[in-house]
Amino acid sequence: MSDQSAITPTPPAHISAYVDVLGVDGAVAFLLEFGGAELYLTPTPKRRNRLAQFVGVEKAAKLAIVSERMPNRIPLAKPWIAAVMKSKGLPVAEIARKLHSSDVAVRGWLKKSGVTSQPDPRQRQLPLF
């Protein structure tokens, strides 16, 4: 189901630090888990720290080091996440469910980001003549 030839969309500046530390898939998982809230980042996280449990102690510490490049509140980054998911071959309806958004919103984000969505063959208009 995944298209290995697809190019992963470039992350916007406000989430590039997360991608640098966690990688694309790690950043997507992190943003889906923590997005929309403030998160205290410490350079010496403990294993019981929720962030350290999610990404590992080493990566949690790295996030704290690059925290000056990140906003105080973890962004939702739904348009970028939608583009990443689409580049991996997920259908719009599944992306919408995962992001708790409408399919209309997802199509809008994909169109704005330049990621083309395959047209639904069921909605193709047949020639009149």
Protein backbone atom coordinates (compact mmCIF):
# COMPACT_ATOMS: atom_id res chain seq x y z
CA MET A 1 0.00 0.00 0.00
CA SER A 2 2.99 2.31 0.54
CA ASP A 3 4.61 3.94 -2.48
CA GLN A 4 8.36 3.80 -1.89
CA SER A 5 9.03 6.15 -4.82
CA ALA A 6 7.01 8.93 -3.20
CA ILE A 7 8.93 11.94 -1.95
CA THR A 8 8.28 12.96 1.64
CA PRO A 9 7.04 16.57 1.83
CA THR A 10 9.48 19.11 3.27
CA PRO A 11 8.51 20.01 6.82
CA PRO A 12 7.62 23.65 7.49
CA ALA A 13 10.09 25.66 9.58
CA HIS A 14 8.05 25.44 12.79
CA ILE A 15 8.31 21.64 12.87
CA SER A 16 11.68 21.06 11.22
CA ALA A 17 13.42 20.66 14.60
CA TYR A 18 11.08 17.80 15.49
CA VAL A 19 11.83 16.10 12.16
CA ASP A 20 15.59 16.65 12.60
CA VAL A 21 15.55 14.87 15.97
CA LEU A 22 12.80 12.27 15.51
CA GLY A 23 12.77 11.63 11.76
CA VAL A 24 9.63 11.97 9.65
CA ASP A 25 7.70 9.01 11.07
CA GLY A 26 8.75 9.82 14.63
CA ALA A 27 7.76 13.46 14.20
CA VAL A 28 4.35 12.50 12.82
CA ALA A 29 3.73 10.15 15.76
CA PHE A 30 4.97 12.78 18.23
CA LEU A 31 2.80 15.55 16.76
CA LEU A 32 -0.27 13.31 16.76
CA GLU A 33 0.36 12.42 20.42
CA PHE A 34 1.42 15.79 21.87
CA GLY A 35 0.25 18.40 19.32
CA GLY A 36 -1.79 21.34 20.53
CA ALA A 37 -0.39 21.45 24.07
CA GLU A 38 2.58 22.91 25.89
CA LEU A 39 5.29 20.43 26.80
CA TYR A 40 8.08 20.91 29.31
CA LEU A 41 11.37 19.82 27.80
CA THR A 42 14.29 19.11 30.11
CA PRO A 43 17.85 18.23 29.05
CA THR A 44 17.87 15.51 31.74
CA PRO A 45 14.59 13.61 31.31
CA LYS A 46 13.76 10.70 33.58
CA ARG A 47 12.45 7.39 32.28
CA ARG A 48 9.06 8.00 33.90
CA ASN A 49 8.66 11.25 31.92
CA ARG A 50 5.82 10.79 29.41
CA LEU A 51 7.87 12.24 26.56
CA ALA A 52 10.83 10.00 27.39
CA GLN A 53 8.54 6.98 27.47
CA PHE A 54 7.19 7.92 24.05
CA VAL A 55 10.40 8.81 22.15
CA GLY A 56 13.12 7.51 24.45
CA VAL A 57 15.34 9.34 26.95
CA GLU A 58 18.04 10.19 24.40
CA LYS A 59 15.65 11.76 21.89
CA ALA A 60 13.76 13.59 24.66
CA ALA A 61 17.07 15.16 25.74
CA LYS A 62 17.88 16.09 22.12
CA LEU A 63 14.49 17.78 21.79
CA ALA A 64 15.29 19.88 24.85
CA ILE A 65 18.62 20.92 23.32
CA VAL A 66 16.98 22.17 20.11
CA SER A 67 13.94 23.61 21.91
CA GLU A 68 14.97 27.20 21.09
CA ARG A 69 14.06 26.37 17.47
CA MET A 70 10.58 25.20 18.48
CA PRO A 71 7.43 27.06 19.51
CA ASN A 72 6.31 26.82 23.17
CA ARG A 73 3.14 24.98 22.19
CA ILE A 74 3.54 21.79 20.17
CA PRO A 75 2.00 22.49 16.75
CA LEU A 76 -0.74 20.31 15.30
CA ALA A 77 0.82 20.47 11.80
CA LYS A 78 -2.17 18.70 10.26
CA PRO A 79 -1.51 19.95 6.70
CA TRP A 80 2.06 18.60 6.72
CA ILE A 81 1.02 15.33 8.39
CA ALA A 82 -1.72 14.90 5.76
CA ALA A 83 0.84 15.42 2.99
CA VAL A 84 3.21 12.88 4.59
CA MET A 85 0.41 10.32 4.92
CA LYS A 86 -0.69 10.90 1.32
CA SER A 87 2.91 10.46 0.12
CA LYS A 88 2.84 7.05 1.81
CA GLY A 89 -0.25 6.10 -0.19
CA LEU A 90 -2.99 6.51 2.42
CA PRO A 91 -6.43 7.43 1.02
CA VAL A 92 -7.94 10.79 1.92
CA ALA A 93 -10.70 9.21 4.00
CA GLU A 94 -8.20 7.36 6.20
CA ILE A 95 -6.06 10.48 6.61
CA ALA A 96 -9.16 12.43 7.66
CA ARG A 97 -10.01 9.80 10.28
CA LYS A 98 -6.47 9.74 11.70
CA LEU A 99 -6.34 13.55 11.90
CA HIS A 100 -9.91 13.90 13.23
CA SER A 101 -10.66 16.22 10.32
CA SER A 102 -13.04 16.20 7.40
CA ASP A 103 -12.11 14.80 4.00
CA VAL A 104 -12.83 18.26 2.60
CA ALA A 105 -10.20 19.80 4.91
CA VAL A 106 -7.67 17.12 3.98
CA ARG A 107 -8.23 17.65 0.25
CA GLY A 108 -7.78 21.40 0.78
CA TRP A 109 -4.50 20.90 2.65
CA LEU A 110 -3.24 18.52 -0.02
CA LYS A 111 -4.19 20.89 -2.82
CA LYS A 112 -2.53 23.84 -1.07
CA SER A 113 0.65 21.84 -0.44
CA GLY A 114 0.79 20.70 -4.05
CA VAL A 115 0.33 17.01 -3.23
CA THR A 116 -1.91 15.56 -5.87
CA SER A 117 -4.65 13.23 -4.88
CA GLN A 118 -5.71 10.50 -7.24
CA PRO A 119 -9.28 11.20 -8.36
CA ASP A 120 -11.91 8.81 -7.13
CA PRO A 121 -12.74 6.61 -10.14
CA ARG A 122 -16.32 6.26 -8.88
CA GLN A 123 -16.83 10.00 -9.30
CA ARG A 124 -15.45 10.21 -12.82
CA GLN A 125 -17.91 11.66 -15.26
CA LEU A 126 -18.62 9.51 -18.27
CA PRO A 127 -18.60 11.10 -21.72
CA LEU A 128 -22.03 12.07 -23.01
CA PHE A 129 -21.35 11.00 -26.58
